[in-house]
Protein backbone atom coordinates (compact mmCIF):
# COMPACT_ATOMS: atom_id res chain seq x y z
CA MET A 1 117.64 119.25 106.39
CA THR A 2 116.49 117.00 109.04
CA GLY A 3 118.41 113.86 110.04
CA LYS A 4 121.98 113.13 110.32
CA THR A 5 124.64 114.57 108.13
CA VAL A 6 127.99 112.62 107.70
CA GLY A 7 130.98 113.12 105.46
CA ALA A 8 131.68 110.60 102.62
CA ALA A 9 134.72 109.19 104.28
CA GLN A 10 132.83 108.73 107.61
CA PHE A 11 129.86 107.10 105.65
CA LYS A 12 132.25 104.70 103.98
CA ALA A 13 133.68 103.52 107.36
CA ASP A 14 130.35 103.32 109.27
CA CYS A 15 127.95 102.47 106.17
CA LEU A 16 126.31 99.45 107.83
CA ARG A 17 126.00 101.13 111.27
CA LEU A 18 124.30 104.14 109.72
CA ILE A 19 121.85 102.01 107.77
CA GLU A 20 120.92 100.06 110.84
CA GLU A 21 120.45 103.40 112.92
CA MET A 22 118.33 104.86 110.04
CA GLY A 23 116.27 101.90 110.00
CA GLN A 24 115.46 102.18 113.61
CA ASP A 25 115.14 106.01 114.02
CA ARG A 26 113.51 106.43 110.48
CA GLN A 27 115.77 109.63 109.93
CA PRO A 28 117.43 110.22 106.46
CA VAL A 29 121.22 110.57 106.38
CA THR A 30 122.77 113.17 104.20
CA ILE A 31 126.25 112.32 102.90
CA THR A 32 128.47 115.22 102.18
CA LYS A 33 131.79 115.70 100.30
CA ARG A 34 133.88 118.55 101.38
CA GLY A 35 130.69 120.06 103.21
CA ARG A 36 128.49 119.86 100.06
CA PRO A 37 125.58 117.44 100.20
CA VAL A 38 126.00 114.83 97.36
CA ALA A 39 123.60 112.06 98.36
CA ARG A 40 120.84 111.21 100.75
CA LEU A 41 119.93 107.93 102.28
CA THR A 42 116.27 107.74 103.14
CA PRO A 43 114.14 104.95 104.84
CA VAL A 44 111.76 103.07 102.58
CA GLU A 45 108.22 103.44 103.22
CA ALA A 46 106.53 100.31 104.58
CA VAL A 47 104.16 98.75 101.80
CA ALA A 48 101.58 96.40 102.84
CA PRO A 49 101.80 93.18 101.02
CA ARG A 50 98.90 92.67 98.62
CA SER A 51 96.66 89.65 99.08
CA ILE A 52 96.73 86.95 96.20
CA VAL A 53 92.98 86.81 96.54
CA GLY A 54 91.42 88.97 93.98
CA ALA A 55 94.82 89.87 92.48
CA MET A 56 93.73 89.03 88.97
CA LYS A 57 90.39 90.61 89.10
CA GLY A 58 89.46 92.52 85.89
CA THR A 59 92.21 90.97 83.82
CA VAL A 60 89.87 88.58 81.93
CA LEU A 61 89.43 90.06 78.46
CA ARG A 62 87.11 87.32 77.00
CA TYR A 63 84.99 84.76 78.57
CA ASP A 64 82.93 83.06 75.64
CA ASP A 65 82.61 79.23 76.56
CA PRO A 66 84.87 78.20 79.57
CA PHE A 67 83.83 74.42 79.09
CA ALA A 68 84.77 74.22 75.40
CA PRO A 69 88.05 72.59 74.44
CA ALA A 70 91.05 74.84 74.07
CA THR A 71 91.82 73.39 70.83
CA ASP A 72 90.39 70.99 68.02
CA PRO A 73 90.74 67.32 69.31
CA ALA A 74 92.09 66.49 65.71
CA ASP A 75 95.13 68.47 66.80
CA TRP A 76 96.01 66.03 69.37
CA ASP A 77 98.18 63.04 68.43
CA ALA A 78 97.95 60.85 71.53
CA ASN A 79 99.42 57.82 70.15
CA ALA A 80 102.44 59.12 68.82
């Protein structure tokens, strides 16, 4: 196993510091209980933010007449 190995009690006491160190050195932390590994804290892989431009590309299912009214004008009661 690569990275650090800490006991559960030590992890509980030093959790925030260990997370900070892991964020800097990018090494996983294995947490043990009575010498047996029970959990592993790993850094999150960096994901590049997606551009909003083109995010909806390919999602239009139908494109009959974009200038036609959405509903029948008789359905509107503007005087009410």
